[in-house]
Amino acid sequence: MHEMSLCEGMVQILEEQARVQNYRRVKQVWLEVGALAGVEVAALRFCFDVVCRGTLAEGAILHVLETPGQGWCMACSRAVVVERRFDPCPECGSHQVQVTGGEEMRIKELEVE
């Protein structure tokens, strides 16, 4: 389950930023997760609660903002929404779709004290 290591990385970022920005507790985290990031959101939520125990983010609320996958169809020259990798273009049916977004996972916003 790589969601556990993703959450461990998030907590490490939160702790580093606490030192830089001088906060002592994280109350809420808004996390943007792309549809093509390969992240299971339910597992991420569970792991977040487990990994945050005993840290400055213990008890923090995790808000997951899911963003759609995006692509560019080389056959019909259109920007399209991509639900899964290797799906055909929803406009023309071509499989020449280059992914242009929706692969990211980033901390978008924090509420701290």
PDB file of N, CA and C in Angstrom:
ATOM      1  N   MET A   1       0.853  -1.175   0.000  1.00  0.00           N
ATOM      2  CA  MET A   1       0.000   0.000   0.000  1.00  0.00           C
ATOM      3  C   MET A   1       0.900   1.239   0.000  1.00  0.00           C
ATOM      4  N   HIS A   2       1.037   1.858  -1.152  1.00  0.00           N
ATOM      5  CA  HIS A   2       1.915   3.021  -1.240  1.00  0.00           C
ATOM      6  C   HIS A   2       1.286   4.273  -0.641  1.00  0.00           C
ATOM      7  N   GLU A   3      -0.013   4.242  -0.344  1.00  0.00           N
ATOM      8  CA  GLU A   3      -0.654   5.391   0.294  1.00  0.00           C
ATOM      9  C   GLU A   3      -0.028   5.687   1.657  1.00  0.00           C
ATOM     10  N   MET A   4       0.438   4.647   2.332  1.00  0.00           N
ATOM     11  CA  MET A   4       1.094   4.852   3.636  1.00  0.00           C
ATOM     12  C   MET A   4       2.353   5.694   3.463  1.00  0.00           C
ATOM     13  N   SER A   5       3.176   5.354   2.482  1.00  0.00           N
ATOM     14  CA  SER A   5       4.405   6.133   2.267  1.00  0.00           C
ATOM     15  C   SER A   5       4.085   7.539   1.756  1.00  0.00           C
ATOM     16  N   LEU A   6       3.009   7.693   0.996  1.00  0.00           N
ATOM     17  CA  LEU A   6       2.600   9.033   0.561  1.00  0.00           C
ATOM     18  C   LEU A   6       2.222   9.891   1.774  1.00  0.00           C
ATOM     19  N   CYS A   7       1.502   9.295   2.715  1.00  0.00           N
ATOM     20  CA  CYS A   7       1.115  10.033   3.927  1.00  0.00           C
ATOM     21  C   CYS A   7       2.325  10.347   4.796  1.00  0.00           C
ATOM     22  N   GLU A   8       3.262   9.423   4.871  1.00  0.00           N
ATOM     23  CA  GLU A   8       4.487   9.687   5.629  1.00  0.00           C
ATOM     24  C   GLU A   8       5.234  10.864   5.018  1.00  0.00           C
ATOM     25  N   GLY A   9       5.264  10.928   3.707  1.00  0.00           N
ATOM     26  CA  GLY A   9       5.889  12.061   3.022  1.00  0.00           C
ATOM     27  C   GLY A   9       5.162  13.362   3.289  1.00  0.00           C
ATOM     28  N   MET A  10       3.828  13.301   3.330  1.00  0.00           N
ATOM     29  CA  MET A  10       3.047  14.494   3.635  1.00  0.00           C
ATOM     30  C   MET A  10       3.347  15.012   5.034  1.00  0.00           C
ATOM     31  N   VAL A  11       3.394  14.115   6.007  1.00  0.00           N
ATOM     32  CA  VAL A  11       3.676  14.526   7.382  1.00  0.00           C
ATOM     33  C   VAL A  11       5.079  15.113   7.472  1.00  0.00           C
ATOM     34  N   GLN A  12       6.013  14.543   6.751  1.00  0.00           N
ATOM     35  CA  GLN A  12       7.371  15.091   6.743  1.00  0.00           C
ATOM     36  C   GLN A  12       7.367  16.519   6.188  1.00  0.00           C
ATOM     37  N   ILE A  13       6.616  16.761   5.134  1.00  0.00           N
ATOM     38  CA  ILE A  13       6.499  18.111   4.567  1.00  0.00           C
ATOM     39  C   ILE A  13       5.861  19.057   5.580  1.00  0.00           C
ATOM     40  N   LEU A  14       4.810  18.590   6.254  1.00  0.00           N
ATOM     41  CA  LEU A  14       4.144  19.426   7.261  1.00  0.00           C
ATOM     42  C   LEU A  14       5.092  19.791   8.388  1.00  0.00           C
ATOM     43  N   GLU A  15       5.912  18.837   8.832  1.00  0.00           N
ATOM     44  CA  GLU A  15       6.862  19.106   9.913  1.00  0.00           C
ATOM     45  C   GLU A  15       7.965  20.062   9.471  1.00  0.00           C
ATOM     46  N   GLU A  16       8.452  19.895   8.241  1.00  0.00           N
ATOM     47  CA  GLU A  16       9.474  20.810   7.720  1.00  0.00           C
ATOM     48  C   GLU A  16       8.918  22.223   7.624  1.00  0.00           C
ATOM     49  N   GLN A  17       7.697  22.355   7.113  1.00  0.00           N
ATOM     50  CA  GLN A  17       7.086  23.673   6.961  1.00  0.00           C
ATOM     51  C   GLN A  17       6.752  24.296   8.311  1.00  0.00           C
ATOM     52  N   ALA A  18       6.455  23.474   9.315  1.00  0.00           N
ATOM     53  CA  ALA A  18       6.202  23.998  10.663  1.00  0.00           C
ATOM     54  C   ALA A  18       7.441  24.693  11.203  1.00  0.00           C
ATOM     55  N   ARG A  19       8.609  24.114  10.922  1.00  0.00           N
ATOM     56  CA  ARG A  19       9.857  24.753  11.362  1.00  0.00           C
ATOM     57  C   ARG A  19      10.100  26.058  10.602  1.00  0.00           C
ATOM     58  N   VAL A  20       9.853  26.046   9.310  1.00  0.00           N
ATOM     59  CA  VAL A  20      10.099  27.225   8.476  1.00  0.00           C
ATOM     60  C   VAL A  20       9.093  28.338   8.771  1.00  0.00           C
ATOM     61  N   GLN A  21       7.811  27.967   8.894  1.00  0.00           N
ATOM     62  CA  GLN A  21       6.748  28.964   9.019  1.00  0.00           C
ATOM     63  C   GLN A  21       6.281  29.169  10.463  1.00  0.00           C
ATOM     64  N   ASN A  22       6.886  28.456  11.383  1.00  0.00           N
ATOM     65  CA  ASN A  22       6.644  28.646  12.812  1.00  0.00           C
ATOM     66  C   ASN A  22       5.193  28.403  13.236  1.00  0.00           C
ATOM     67  N   TYR A  23       4.670  27.226  12.894  1.00  0.00           N
ATOM     68  CA  TYR A  23       3.390  26.807  13.463  1.00  0.00           C
ATOM     69  C   TYR A  23       3.611  25.534  14.257  1.00  0.00           C
ATOM     70  N   ARG A  24       2.689  25.247  15.159  1.00  0.00           N
ATOM     71  CA  ARG A  24       2.896  24.096  16.041  1.00  0.00           C
ATOM     72  C   ARG A  24       1.872  22.987  15.863  1.00  0.00           C
ATOM     73  N   ARG A  25       0.774  23.276  15.160  1.00  0.00           N
ATOM     74  CA  ARG A  25      -0.259  22.269  14.990  1.00  0.00           C
ATOM     75  C   ARG A  25      -0.955  22.444  13.652  1.00  0.00           C
ATOM     76  N   VAL A  26      -1.254  21.331  13.014  1.00  0.00           N
ATOM     77  CA  VAL A  26      -2.019  21.341  11.760  1.00  0.00           C
ATOM     78  C   VAL A  26      -3.435  20.893  12.093  1.00  0.00           C
ATOM     79  N   LYS A  27      -4.413  21.727  11.739  1.00  0.00           N
ATOM     80  CA  LYS A  27      -5.808  21.403  12.042  1.00  0.00           C
ATOM     81  C   LYS A  27      -6.530  20.796  10.840  1.00  0.00           C
ATOM     82  N   GLN A  28      -6.230  21.302   9.644  1.00  0.00           N
ATOM     83  CA  GLN A  28      -6.878  20.803   8.436  1.00  0.00           C
ATOM     84  C   GLN A  28      -5.885  20.830   7.279  1.00  0.00           C
ATOM     85  N   VAL A  29      -6.039  19.863   6.392  1.00  0.00           N
ATOM     86  CA  VAL A  29      -5.197  19.768   5.197  1.00  0.00           C
ATOM     87  C   VAL A  29      -6.112  19.586   3.993  1.00  0.00           C
ATOM     88  N   TRP A  30      -5.916  20.413   2.972  1.00  0.00           N
ATOM     89  CA  TRP A  30      -6.614  20.244   1.701  1.00  0.00           C
ATOM     90  C   TRP A  30      -5.598  19.686   0.719  1.00  0.00           C
ATOM     91  N   LEU A  31      -5.884  18.498   0.230  1.00  0.00           N
ATOM     92  CA  LEU A  31      -4.968  17.779  -0.641  1.00  0.00           C
ATOM     93  C   LEU A  31      -5.611  17.593  -2.008  1.00  0.00           C
ATOM     94  N   GLU A  32      -4.931  18.031  -3.041  1.00  0.00           N
ATOM     95  CA  GLU A  32      -5.413  17.855  -4.404  1.00  0.00           C
ATOM     96  C   GLU A  32      -4.838  16.554  -4.961  1.00  0.00           C
ATOM     97  N   VAL A  33      -5.718  15.683  -5.447  1.00  0.00           N
ATOM     98  CA  VAL A  33      -5.299  14.396  -5.985  1.00  0.00           C
ATOM     99  C   VAL A  33      -5.904  14.234  -7.372  1.00  0.00           C
ATOM    100  N   GLY A  34      -5.056  14.059  -8.367  1.00  0.00           N
ATOM    101  CA  GLY A  34      -5.519  13.861  -9.731  1.00  0.00           C
ATOM    102  C   GLY A  34      -6.065  12.458  -9.941  1.00  0.00           C
ATOM    103  N   ALA A  35      -7.027  12.342 -10.841  1.00  0.00           N
ATOM    104  CA  ALA A  35      -7.667  11.058 -11.133  1.00  0.00           C
ATOM    105  C   ALA A  35      -6.675  10.028 -11.666  1.00  0.00           C
ATOM    106  N   LEU A  36      -5.582  10.492 -12.244  1.00  0.00           N
ATOM    107  CA  LEU A  36      -4.591   9.584 -12.823  1.00  0.00           C
ATOM    108  C   LEU A  36      -3.352   9.426 -11.940  1.00  0.00           C
ATOM    109  N   ALA A  37      -3.444   9.860 -10.692  1.00  0.00           N
ATOM    110  CA  ALA A  37      -2.297   9.807  -9.779  1.00  0.00           C
ATOM    111  C   ALA A  37      -2.042   8.403  -9.237  1.00  0.00           C
ATOM    112  N   GLY A  38      -2.980   7.494  -9.422  1.00  0.00           N
ATOM    113  CA  GLY A  38      -2.797   6.138  -8.919  1.00  0.00           C
ATOM    114  C   GLY A  38      -2.928   6.041  -7.413  1.00  0.00           C
ATOM    115  N   VAL A  39      -3.782   6.887  -6.840  1.00  0.00           N
ATOM    116  CA  VAL A  39      -3.968   6.937  -5.394  1.00  0.00           C
ATOM    117  C   VAL A  39      -5.388   6.481  -5.065  1.00  0.00           C
ATOM    118  N   GLU A  40      -5.491   5.542  -4.137  1.00  0.00           N
ATOM    119  CA  GLU A  40      -6.794   5.099  -3.643  1.00  0.00           C
ATOM    120  C   GLU A  40      -7.173   6.022  -2.491  1.00  0.00           C
ATOM    121  N   VAL A  41      -8.184   6.864  -2.701  1.00  0.00           N
ATOM    122  CA  VAL A  41      -8.532   7.914  -1.743  1.00  0.00           C
ATOM    123  C   VAL A  41      -8.953   7.333  -0.395  1.00  0.00           C
ATOM    124  N   ALA A  42      -9.723   6.264  -0.367  1.00  0.00           N
ATOM    125  CA  ALA A  42     -10.151   5.678   0.909  1.00  0.00           C
ATOM    126  C   ALA A  42      -8.945   5.185   1.702  1.00  0.00           C
ATOM    127  N   ALA A  43      -8.000   4.537   1.029  1.00  0.00           N
ATOM    128  CA  ALA A  43      -6.781   4.066   1.698  1.00  0.00           C
ATOM    129  C   ALA A  43      -5.944   5.253   2.176  1.00  0.00           C
ATOM    130  N   LEU A  44      -5.906   6.313   1.384  1.00  0.00           N
ATOM    131  CA  LEU A  44      -5.156   7.509   1.764  1.00  0.00           C
ATOM    132  C   LEU A  44      -5.723   8.121   3.044  1.00  0.00           C
ATOM    133  N   ARG A  45      -7.036   8.205   3.135  1.00  0.00           N
ATOM    134  CA  ARG A  45      -7.681   8.755   4.333  1.00  0.00           C
ATOM    135  C   ARG A  45      -7.344   7.924   5.571  1.00  0.00           C
ATOM    136  N   PHE A  46      -7.421   6.607   5.439  1.00  0.00           N
ATOM    137  CA  PHE A  46      -7.103   5.717   6.558  1.00  0.00           C
ATOM    138  C   PHE A  46      -5.646   5.899   6.974  1.00  0.00           C
ATOM    139  N   CYS A  47      -4.751   5.873   6.008  1.00  0.00           N
ATOM    140  CA  CYS A  47      -3.321   5.999   6.300  1.00  0.00           C
ATOM    141  C   CYS A  47      -2.986   7.352   6.911  1.00  0.00           C
ATOM    142  N   PHE A  48      -3.651   8.399   6.456  1.00  0.00           N
ATOM    143  CA  PHE A  48      -3.397   9.734   6.991  1.00  0.00           C
ATOM    144  C   PHE A  48      -3.651   9.758   8.491  1.00  0.00           C
ATOM    145  N   ASP A  49      -4.783   9.209   8.914  1.00  0.00           N
ATOM    146  CA  ASP A  49      -5.109   9.184  10.343  1.00  0.00           C
ATOM    147  C   ASP A  49      -4.075   8.384  11.133  1.00  0.00           C
ATOM    148  N   VAL A  50      -3.623   7.265  10.583  1.00  0.00           N
ATOM    149  CA  VAL A  50      -2.648   6.411  11.279  1.00  0.00           C
ATOM    150  C   VAL A  50      -1.291   7.099  11.365  1.00  0.00           C
ATOM    151  N   VAL A  51      -0.830   7.645  10.264  1.00  0.00           N
ATOM    152  CA  VAL A  51       0.506   8.255  10.202  1.00  0.00           C
ATOM    153  C   VAL A  51       0.579   9.534  11.044  1.00  0.00           C
ATOM    154  N   CYS A  52      -0.526  10.244  11.183  1.00  0.00           N
ATOM    155  CA  CYS A  52      -0.526  11.511  11.919  1.00  0.00           C
ATOM    156  C   CYS A  52      -0.507  11.339  13.433  1.00  0.00           C
ATOM    157  N   ARG A  53      -0.778  10.142  13.932  1.00  0.00           N
ATOM    158  CA  ARG A  53      -0.776   9.926  15.386  1.00  0.00           C
ATOM    159  C   ARG A  53       0.592  10.272  15.973  1.00  0.00           C
ATOM    160  N   GLY A  54       0.570  11.081  17.020  1.00  0.00           N
ATOM    161  CA  GLY A  54       1.801  11.463  17.688  1.00  0.00           C
ATOM    162  C   GLY A  54       2.598  12.545  16.976  1.00  0.00           C
ATOM    163  N   THR A  55       2.014  13.183  15.961  1.00  0.00           N
ATOM    164  CA  THR A  55       2.703  14.248  15.228  1.00  0.00           C
ATOM    165  C   THR A  55       1.938  15.555  15.401  1.00  0.00           C
ATOM    166  N   LEU A  56       2.453  16.623  14.823  1.00  0.00           N
ATOM    167  CA  LEU A  56       1.774  17.916  14.887  1.00  0.00           C
ATOM    168  C   LEU A  56       0.467  17.926  14.111  1.00  0.00           C
ATOM    169  N   ALA A  57       0.201  16.865  13.330  1.00  0.00           N
ATOM    170  CA  ALA A  57      -1.034  16.780  12.554  1.00  0.00           C
ATOM    171  C   ALA A  57      -2.033  15.788  13.148  1.00  0.00           C
ATOM    172  N   GLU A  58      -1.767  15.327  14.377  1.00  0.00           N
ATOM    173  CA  GLU A  58      -2.703  14.385  14.998  1.00  0.00           C
ATOM    174  C   GLU A  58      -4.075  15.028  15.132  1.00  0.00           C
ATOM    175  N   GLY A  59      -5.098  14.323  14.662  1.00  0.00           N
ATOM    176  CA  GLY A  59      -6.467  14.834  14.710  1.00  0.00           C
ATOM    177  C   GLY A  59      -6.829  15.778  13.581  1.00  0.00           C
ATOM    178  N   ALA A  60      -5.891  16.037  12.675  1.00  0.00           N
ATOM    179  CA  ALA A  60      -6.165  16.948  11.557  1.00  0.00           C
ATOM    180  C   ALA A  60      -7.212  16.340  10.625  1.00  0.00           C
ATOM    181  N   ILE A  61      -8.007  17.197  10.040  1.00  0.00           N
ATOM    182  CA  ILE A  61      -9.025  16.780   9.079  1.00  0.00           C
ATOM    183  C   ILE A  61      -8.413  16.841   7.689  1.00  0.00           C
ATOM    184  N   LEU A  62      -8.554  15.754   6.939  1.00  0.00           N
ATOM    185  CA  LEU A  62      -8.042  15.696   5.570  1.00  0.00           C
ATOM    186  C   LEU A  62      -9.189  15.909   4.594  1.00  0.00           C
ATOM    187  N   HIS A  63      -9.064  16.932   3.758  1.00  0.00           N
ATOM    188  CA  HIS A  63     -10.023  17.203   2.688  1.00  0.00           C
ATOM    189  C   HIS A  63      -9.340  16.823   1.380  1.00  0.00           C
ATOM    190  N   VAL A  64      -9.936  15.916   0.633  1.00  0.00           N
ATOM    191  CA  VAL A  64      -9.351  15.490  -0.636  1.00  0.00           C
ATOM    192  C   VAL A  64     -10.133  16.144  -1.774  1.00  0.00           C
ATOM    193  N   LEU A  65      -9.426  16.910  -2.582  1.00  0.00           N
ATOM    194  CA  LEU A  65     -10.004  17.571  -3.746  1.00  0.00           C
ATOM    195  C   LEU A  65      -9.585  16.766  -4.967  1.00  0.00           C
ATOM    196  N   GLU A  66     -10.514  15.992  -5.505  1.00  0.00           N
ATOM    197  CA  GLU A  66     -10.186  15.149  -6.649  1.00  0.00           C
ATOM    198  C   GLU A  66     -10.321  15.952  -7.935  1.00  0.00           C
ATOM    199  N   THR A  67      -9.281  15.908  -8.767  1.00  0.00           N
ATOM    200  CA  THR A  67      -9.294  16.631 -10.037  1.00  0.00           C
ATOM    201  C   THR A  67      -9.316  15.620 -11.181  1.00  0.00           C
ATOM    202  N   PRO A  68      -9.977  15.962 -12.270  1.00  0.00           N
ATOM    203  CA  PRO A  68     -10.077  15.015 -13.382  1.00  0.00           C
ATOM    204  C   PRO A  68      -8.760  14.879 -14.146  1.00  0.00           C
ATOM    205  N   GLY A  69      -8.637  13.760 -14.834  1.00  0.00           N
ATOM    206  CA  GLY A  69      -7.504  13.591 -15.735  1.00  0.00           C
ATOM    207  C   GLY A  69      -7.735  14.438 -16.977  1.00  0.00           C
ATOM    208  N   GLN A  70      -6.662  14.925 -17.541  1.00  0.00           N
ATOM    209  CA  GLN A  70      -6.763  15.762 -18.738  1.00  0.00           C
ATOM    210  C   GLN A  70      -5.824  15.220 -19.799  1.00  0.00           C
ATOM    211  N   GLY A  71      -6.216  15.382 -21.028  1.00  0.00           N
ATOM    212  CA  GLY A  71      -5.372  14.914 -22.117  1.00  0.00           C
ATOM    213  C   GLY A  71      -5.552  15.751 -23.365  1.00  0.00           C
ATOM    214  N   TRP A  72      -4.660  15.499 -24.307  1.00  0.00           N
ATOM    215  CA  TRP A  72      -4.711  16.161 -25.610  1.00  0.00           C
ATOM    216  C   TRP A  72      -4.771  15.070 -26.659  1.00  0.00           C
ATOM    217  N   CYS A  73      -5.837  15.079 -27.457  1.00  0.00           N
ATOM    218  CA  CYS A  73      -5.980  14.090 -28.524  1.00  0.00           C
ATOM    219  C   CYS A  73      -5.233  14.582 -29.750  1.00  0.00           C
ATOM    220  N   MET A  74      -4.247  13.812 -30.158  1.00  0.00           N
ATOM    221  CA  MET A  74      -3.452  14.202 -31.327  1.00  0.00           C
ATOM    222  C   MET A  74      -4.228  14.002 -32.625  1.00  0.00           C
ATOM    223  N   ALA A  75      -5.219  13.130 -32.613  1.00  0.00           N
ATOM    224  CA  ALA A  75      -5.997  12.874 -33.830  1.00  0.00           C
ATOM    225  C   ALA A  75      -6.993  13.992 -34.125  1.00  0.00           C
ATOM    226  N   CYS A  76      -7.728  14.451 -33.108  1.00  0.00           N
ATOM    227  CA  CYS A  76      -8.747  15.482 -33.353  1.00  0.00           C
ATOM    228  C   CYS A  76      -8.360  16.856 -32.806  1.00  0.00           C
ATOM    229  N   SER A  77      -7.153  16.962 -32.233  1.00  0.00           N
ATOM    230  CA  SER A  77      -6.622  18.235 -31.731  1.00  0.00           C
ATOM    231  C   SER A  77      -7.558  18.913 -30.726  1.00  0.00           C
ATOM    232  N   ARG A  78      -7.983  18.121 -29.741  1.00  0.00           N
ATOM    233  CA  ARG A  78      -8.860  18.660 -28.706  1.00  0.00           C
ATOM    234  C   ARG A  78      -8.333  18.302 -27.320  1.00  0.00           C
ATOM    235  N   ALA A  79      -8.580  19.214 -26.381  1.00  0.00           N
ATOM    236  CA  ALA A  79      -8.329  18.912 -24.975  1.00  0.00           C
ATOM    237  C   ALA A  79      -9.518  18.097 -24.488  1.00  0.00           C
ATOM    238  N   VAL A  80      -9.249  16.974 -23.827  1.00  0.00           N
ATOM    239  CA  VAL A  80     -10.319  16.068 -23.402  1.00  0.00           C
ATOM    240  C   VAL A  80     -10.129  15.645 -21.954  1.00  0.00           C
ATOM    241  N   VAL A  81     -11.210  15.203 -21.338  1.00  0.00           N
ATOM    242  CA  VAL A  81     -11.156  14.629 -19.998  1.00  0.00           C
ATOM    243  C   VAL A  81     -10.802  13.152 -20.150  1.00  0.00           C
ATOM    244  N   VAL A  82      -9.827  12.705 -19.350  1.00  0.00           N
ATOM    245  CA  VAL A  82      -9.346  11.322 -19.410  1.00  0.00           C
ATOM    246  C   VAL A  82      -9.709  10.652 -18.079  1.00  0.00           C
ATOM    247  N   GLU A  83     -10.517   9.616 -18.143  1.00  0.00           N
ATOM    248  CA  GLU A  83     -10.913   8.923 -16.914  1.00  0.00           C
ATOM    249  C   GLU A  83      -9.862   7.919 -16.469  1.00  0.00           C
ATOM    250  N   ARG A  84      -9.275   7.196 -17.425  1.00  0.00           N
ATOM    251  CA  ARG A  84      -8.220   6.211 -17.128  1.00  0.00           C
ATOM    252  C   ARG A  84      -7.182   6.271 -18.242  1.00  0.00           C
ATOM    253  N   ARG A  85      -5.957   5.932 -17.871  1.00  0.00           N
ATOM    254  CA  ARG A  85      -4.894   5.871 -18.883  1.00  0.00           C
ATOM    255  C   ARG A  85      -5.277   4.881 -19.980  1.00  0.00           C
ATOM    256  N   PHE A  86      -4.890   5.190 -21.161  1.00  0.00           N
ATOM    257  CA  PHE A  86      -5.072   4.342 -22.341  1.00  0.00           C
ATOM    258  C   PHE A  86      -6.523   4.233 -22.800  1.00  0.00           C
ATOM    259  N   ASP A  87      -7.431   5.028 -22.227  1.00  0.00           N
ATOM    260  CA  ASP A  87      -8.791   5.092 -22.737  1.00  0.00           C
ATOM    261  C   ASP A  87      -8.769   5.839 -24.065  1.00  0.00           C
ATOM    262  N   PRO A  88      -9.716   5.534 -24.946  1.00  0.00           N
ATOM    263  CA  PRO A  88      -9.789   6.284 -26.206  1.00  0.00           C
ATOM    264  C   PRO A  88     -10.298   7.705 -25.973  1.00  0.00           C
ATOM    265  N   CYS A  89     -10.064   8.546 -26.941  1.00  0.00           N
ATOM    266  CA  CYS A  89     -10.563   9.914 -26.906  1.00  0.00           C
ATOM    267  C   CYS A  89     -12.092   9.878 -26.847  1.00  0.00           C
ATOM    268  N   PRO A  90     -12.701  10.600 -25.911  1.00  0.00           N
ATOM    269  CA  PRO A  90     -14.163  10.603 -25.828  1.00  0.00           C
ATOM    270  C   PRO A  90     -14.824  11.345 -26.990  1.00  0.00           C
ATOM    271  N   GLU A  91     -14.045  12.092 -27.759  1.00  0.00           N
ATOM    272  CA  GLU A  91     -14.600  12.856 -28.884  1.00  0.00           C
ATOM    273  C   GLU A  91     -14.549  12.064 -30.203  1.00  0.00           C
ATOM    274  N   CYS A  92     -13.385  11.440 -30.487  1.00  0.00           N
ATOM    275  CA  CYS A  92     -13.227  10.788 -31.793  1.00  0.00           C
ATOM    276  C   CYS A  92     -12.925   9.288 -31.712  1.00  0.00           C
ATOM    277  N   GLY A  93     -12.616   8.780 -30.514  1.00  0.00           N
ATOM    278  CA  GLY A  93     -12.339   7.356 -30.355  1.00  0.00           C
ATOM    279  C   GLY A  93     -10.891   6.958 -30.591  1.00  0.00           C
ATOM    280  N   SER A  94     -10.050   7.899 -30.935  1.00  0.00           N
ATOM    281  CA  SER A  94      -8.639   7.603 -31.183  1.00  0.00           C
ATOM    282  C   SER A  94      -7.934   7.249 -29.880  1.00  0.00           C
ATOM    283  N   HIS A  95      -6.896   6.435 -30.006  1.00  0.00           N
ATOM    284  CA  HIS A  95      -6.085   6.091 -28.832  1.00  0.00           C
ATOM    285  C   HIS A  95      -4.803   6.924 -28.774  1.00  0.00           C
ATOM    286  N   GLN A  96      -4.747   7.986 -29.543  1.00  0.00           N
ATOM    287  CA  GLN A  96      -3.583   8.874 -29.553  1.00  0.00           C
ATOM    288  C   GLN A  96      -3.813  10.049 -28.596  1.00  0.00           C
ATOM    289  N   VAL A  97      -4.035   9.716 -27.336  1.00  0.00           N
ATOM    290  CA  VAL A  97      -4.300  10.737 -26.329  1.00  0.00           C
ATOM    291  C   VAL A  97      -3.085  10.852 -25.414  1.00  0.00           C
ATOM    292  N   GLN A  98      -2.555  12.051 -25.341  1.00  0.00           N
ATOM    293  CA  GLN A  98      -1.413  12.332 -24.474  1.00  0.00           C
ATOM    294  C   GLN A  98      -1.930  12.951 -23.182  1.00  0.00           C
ATOM    295  N   VAL A  99      -1.574  12.363 -22.045  1.00  0.00           N
ATOM    296  CA  VAL A  99      -2.003  12.884 -20.743  1.00  0.00           C
ATOM    297  C   VAL A  99      -1.300  14.215 -20.486  1.00  0.00           C
ATOM    298  N   THR A 100      -2.089  15.226 -20.108  1.00  0.00           N
ATOM    299  CA  THR A 100      -1.529  16.552 -19.827  1.00  0.00           C
ATOM    300  C   THR A 100      -1.792  17.013 -18.393  1.00  0.00           C
ATOM    301  N   GLY A 101      -2.604  16.282 -17.645  1.00  0.00           N
ATOM    302  CA  GLY A 101      -2.887  16.679 -16.267  1.00  0.00           C
ATOM    303  C   GLY A 101      -3.669  15.617 -15.526  1.00  0.00           C
ATOM    304  N   GLY A 102      -3.732  15.774 -14.219  1.00  0.00           N
ATOM    305  CA  GLY A 102      -4.466  14.833 -13.395  1.00  0.00           C
ATOM    306  C   GLY A 102      -3.599  13.752 -12.783  1.00  0.00           C
ATOM    307  N   GLU A 103      -2.273  13.899 -12.886  1.00  0.00           N
ATOM    308  CA  GLU A 103      -1.344  12.926 -12.313  1.00  0.00           C
ATOM    309  C   GLU A 103      -0.764  13.395 -10.978  1.00  0.00           C
ATOM    310  N   GLU A 104      -1.079  14.610 -10.585  1.00  0.00           N
ATOM    311  CA  GLU A 104      -0.437  15.221  -9.433  1.00  0.00           C
ATOM    312  C   GLU A 104      -1.150  14.908  -8.125  1.00  0.00           C
ATOM    313  N   MET A 105      -0.384  15.056  -7.062  1.00  0.00           N
ATOM    314  CA  MET A 105      -0.906  15.030  -5.704  1.00  0.00           C
ATOM    315  C   MET A 105      -0.138  16.120  -4.967  1.00  0.00           C
ATOM    316  N   ARG A 106      -0.845  17.122  -4.458  1.00  0.00           N
ATOM    317  CA  ARG A 106      -0.165  18.230  -3.799  1.00  0.00           C
ATOM    318  C   ARG A 106      -1.009  18.801  -2.670  1.00  0.00           C
ATOM    319  N   ILE A 107      -0.308  19.272  -1.677  1.00  0.00           N
ATOM    320  CA  ILE A 107      -0.970  19.959  -0.571  1.00  0.00           C
ATOM    321  C   ILE A 107      -1.364  21.336  -1.079  1.00  0.00           C
ATOM    322  N   LYS A 108      -2.641  21.591  -1.085  1.00  0.00           N
ATOM    323  CA  LYS A 108      -3.171  22.821  -1.651  1.00  0.00           C
ATOM    324  C   LYS A 108      -3.304  23.921  -0.603  1.00  0.00           C
ATOM    325  N   GLU A 109      -3.736  23.527   0.621  1.00  0.00           N
ATOM    326  CA  GLU A 109      -3.991  24.524   1.660  1.00  0.00           C
ATOM    327  C   GLU A 109      -3.894  23.860   3.033  1.00  0.00           C
ATOM    328  N   LEU A 110      -3.547  24.658   4.024  1.00  0.00           N
ATOM    329  CA  LEU A 110      -3.461  24.181   5.410  1.00  0.00           C
ATOM    330  C   LEU A 110      -4.172  25.143   6.334  1.00  0.00           C
ATOM    331  N   GLU A 111      -4.749  24.616   7.400  1.00  0.00           N
ATOM    332  CA  GLU A 111      -5.183  25.444   8.517  1.00  0.00           C
ATOM    333  C   GLU A 111      -4.314  25.040   9.688  1.00  0.00           C
ATOM    334  N   VAL A 112      -3.575  25.985  10.228  1.00  0.00           N
ATOM    335  CA  VAL A 112      -2.600  25.702  11.289  1.00  0.00           C
ATOM    336  C   VAL A 112      -2.793  26.660  12.454  1.00  0.00           C
ATOM    337  N   GLU A 113      -2.134  26.346  13.553  1.00  0.00           N
ATOM    338  CA  GLU A 113      -2.106  27.288  14.686  1.00  0.00           C
ATOM    339  C   GLU A 113      -0.715  27.266  15.294  1.00  0.00           C
TER     340      GLU A 113
END
